[in-house]
């Protein structure tokens, strides 16, 4: 059976595992974005439930607006949150190219081509490319969490 899967996807088990890590860490990033909105709005978890249905890109947009309008964040704190949000937005777009695609063969040895029906460009990626994407998403999912702490501390120091 593994042989037939490999013929179909051109992904090794390591490649499939890397795609799984991309999905797992992207879900964490999206959850952390929703929680960041809660911290920026100063609301409780129950009130924040409406934000749980936001797409990753919509959560980034809403977070950027809330950061812009924040009365408690200092300019350098705003810039840090914007930096993280911009990178997370890019990484979630890269995730979409992988997760919402059909995986097919590639002329490039050790690589698979991700063909998206959603208008994303085709991408040919190696297992190493996929593993690096997963690592970056993990890193920035945690940086979004760090932004929550930054916002919480900003609220504590404000009068």
Protein backbone atom coordinates (compact mmCIF):
# COMPACT_ATOMS: atom_id res chain seq x y z
CA UNK A 1 0.00 0.00 0.00
CA UNK A 2 2.78 2.47 0.85
CA UNK A 3 4.15 1.96 -2.65
CA UNK A 4 0.85 2.96 -4.24
CA UNK A 5 0.66 6.08 -2.06
CA UNK A 6 4.17 7.07 -3.07
CA UNK A 7 3.31 6.61 -6.76
CA UNK A 8 0.31 8.90 -6.30
CA UNK A 9 1.81 11.68 -4.20
CA UNK A 10 5.57 11.43 -4.67
CA UNK A 11 5.76 12.14 -0.94
CA UNK A 12 7.77 9.90 1.31
CA UNK A 13 6.45 9.17 4.80
CA UNK A 14 8.76 11.96 6.00
CA UNK A 15 7.15 14.33 3.51
CA UNK A 16 3.69 13.33 4.64
CA UNK A 17 4.75 13.87 8.26
CA UNK A 18 6.06 17.35 7.38
CA UNK A 19 2.72 18.22 5.75
CA UNK A 20 1.01 17.06 8.95
CA UNK A 21 3.26 19.31 11.04
CA UNK A 22 2.41 22.23 8.74
CA UNK A 23 -1.29 21.64 9.42
CA UNK A 24 -0.79 21.20 13.18
CA UNK A 25 1.34 24.30 13.68
CA UNK A 26 -0.85 26.42 11.39
CA UNK A 27 -3.86 25.49 13.53
CA UNK A 28 -1.90 26.63 16.58
CA UNK A 29 -0.98 29.90 14.85
CA UNK A 30 -4.64 30.52 13.97
CA UNK A 31 -5.73 29.74 17.53
CA UNK A 32 -3.09 32.10 18.89
CA UNK A 33 -4.31 34.81 16.50
CA UNK A 34 -7.83 34.45 17.89
CA UNK A 35 -6.45 34.69 21.41
CA UNK A 36 -4.39 37.75 20.43
CA UNK A 37 -7.61 39.42 19.29
CA UNK A 38 -9.08 38.69 22.72
CA UNK A 39 -6.10 40.37 24.41
CA UNK A 40 -6.26 43.34 22.03
CA UNK A 41 -10.01 43.75 22.59
CA UNK A 42 -9.68 43.18 26.32
CA UNK A 43 -12.49 40.63 26.25
CA UNK A 44 -12.99 37.30 27.96
CA UNK A 45 -12.95 33.90 26.28
CA UNK A 46 -16.75 33.66 26.07
CA UNK A 47 -17.02 37.00 24.26
CA UNK A 48 -14.19 35.99 21.93
CA UNK A 49 -16.07 32.97 20.53
CA UNK A 50 -17.28 34.98 17.54
CA UNK A 51 -13.64 35.42 16.49
CA UNK A 52 -13.00 31.66 16.54
CA UNK A 53 -14.59 31.33 13.10
CA UNK A 54 -12.31 33.89 11.45
CA UNK A 55 -9.99 32.61 8.77
CA UNK A 56 -6.30 33.09 9.42
CA UNK A 57 -6.10 36.03 7.00
CA UNK A 58 -9.19 37.66 8.54
CA UNK A 59 -7.73 37.20 12.03
CA UNK A 60 -4.51 38.88 10.88
CA UNK A 61 -6.50 41.79 9.35
CA UNK A 62 -8.57 42.24 12.48
CA UNK A 63 -5.48 42.06 14.69
CA UNK A 64 -3.72 44.71 12.57
CA UNK A 65 -6.70 47.04 12.92
CA UNK A 66 -6.84 46.49 16.67
CA UNK A 67 -3.10 47.11 17.00
CA UNK A 68 -3.43 50.32 14.98
CA UNK A 69 -6.27 51.51 17.23
CA UNK A 70 -4.69 50.40 20.51
CA UNK A 71 -4.29 53.10 23.13
CA UNK A 72 -1.93 51.01 25.27
CA UNK A 73 0.73 49.82 22.83
CA UNK A 74 3.88 51.87 22.41
CA UNK A 75 5.17 52.46 18.86
CA UNK A 76 7.93 49.84 19.14
CA UNK A 77 5.41 47.32 20.50
CA UNK A 78 3.05 48.04 17.60
CA UNK A 79 5.91 47.51 15.18
CA UNK A 80 6.80 44.18 16.78
CA UNK A 81 3.22 42.91 16.58
CA UNK A 82 2.93 44.10 12.98
CA UNK A 83 6.18 42.28 12.11
CA UNK A 84 4.86 39.03 13.57
CA UNK A 85 1.44 39.43 11.94
CA UNK A 86 2.99 40.10 8.53
CA UNK A 87 5.15 36.98 8.74
CA UNK A 88 2.27 34.81 10.00
CA UNK A 89 0.10 36.02 7.12
CA UNK A 90 2.80 34.98 4.62
CA UNK A 91 3.33 31.61 6.30
CA UNK A 92 -0.40 30.85 6.35
CA UNK A 93 -0.53 31.64 2.63
CA UNK A 94 2.34 29.20 2.07
CA UNK A 95 0.46 26.66 4.19
CA UNK A 96 -2.55 27.07 1.91
CA UNK A 97 -0.43 26.18 -1.12
CA UNK A 98 0.45 22.88 0.58
CA UNK A 99 -2.72 21.97 2.44
CA UNK A 100 -5.24 22.92 -0.25
CA UNK A 101 -3.46 21.21 -3.10
CA UNK A 102 -3.29 17.96 -4.93
CA UNK A 103 0.16 16.49 -4.57
CA UNK A 104 1.64 15.11 -7.74
CA UNK A 105 4.82 14.09 -9.40
CA UNK A 106 7.70 16.36 -10.19
CA UNK A 107 10.58 16.16 -12.65
CA UNK A 108 12.79 17.30 -9.79
CA UNK A 109 14.24 14.35 -7.89
CA UNK A 110 13.08 14.08 -4.28
CA UNK A 111 10.35 16.66 -4.73
CA UNK A 112 6.59 16.78 -5.17
CA UNK A 113 4.47 19.35 -6.95
CA UNK A 114 1.54 20.89 -5.09
CA UNK A 115 -1.20 21.86 -7.55
CA UNK A 116 -3.88 24.06 -6.10
CA UNK A 117 -7.43 24.38 -7.39
CA UNK A 118 -7.74 27.68 -5.50
CA UNK A 119 -5.62 29.84 -7.74
CA UNK A 120 -2.43 29.44 -5.75
CA UNK A 121 0.60 28.93 -7.97
CA UNK A 122 1.92 25.38 -8.35
CA UNK A 123 4.90 24.80 -6.06
CA UNK A 124 7.52 22.07 -6.25
CA UNK A 125 8.80 21.31 -2.77
CA UNK A 126 11.20 18.84 -1.23
CA UNK A 127 10.81 17.18 2.16
CA UNK A 128 13.35 19.68 3.44
CA UNK A 129 11.26 22.59 2.08
CA UNK A 130 8.18 21.20 3.83
CA UNK A 131 10.06 20.64 7.10
CA UNK A 132 11.42 24.19 7.00
CA UNK A 133 7.94 25.61 6.41
CA UNK A 134 6.61 23.61 9.36
CA UNK A 135 9.45 24.91 11.57
CA UNK A 136 8.79 28.53 10.57
CA UNK A 137 5.08 28.19 11.22
CA UNK A 138 5.84 26.69 14.63
CA UNK A 139 8.27 29.52 15.40
CA UNK A 140 5.78 32.22 14.48
CA UNK A 141 2.84 30.51 16.18
CA UNK A 142 4.87 30.96 19.37
CA UNK A 143 5.72 34.54 18.43
CA UNK A 144 1.99 35.28 18.18
CA UNK A 145 1.69 33.85 21.69
CA UNK A 146 4.51 36.19 22.78
CA UNK A 147 2.50 39.08 21.31
CA UNK A 148 -0.37 38.12 23.59
CA UNK A 149 1.98 38.54 26.57
CA UNK A 150 3.22 41.86 25.19
CA UNK A 151 -0.35 43.16 24.87
CA UNK A 152 -1.31 41.90 28.34
CA UNK A 153 1.67 43.72 29.87
CA UNK A 154 0.79 46.89 27.95
CA UNK A 155 -2.72 46.76 29.42
CA UNK A 156 -1.29 46.29 32.93
CA UNK A 157 0.89 49.40 32.74
CA UNK A 158 -1.82 51.65 31.28
CA UNK A 159 -3.84 53.78 33.68
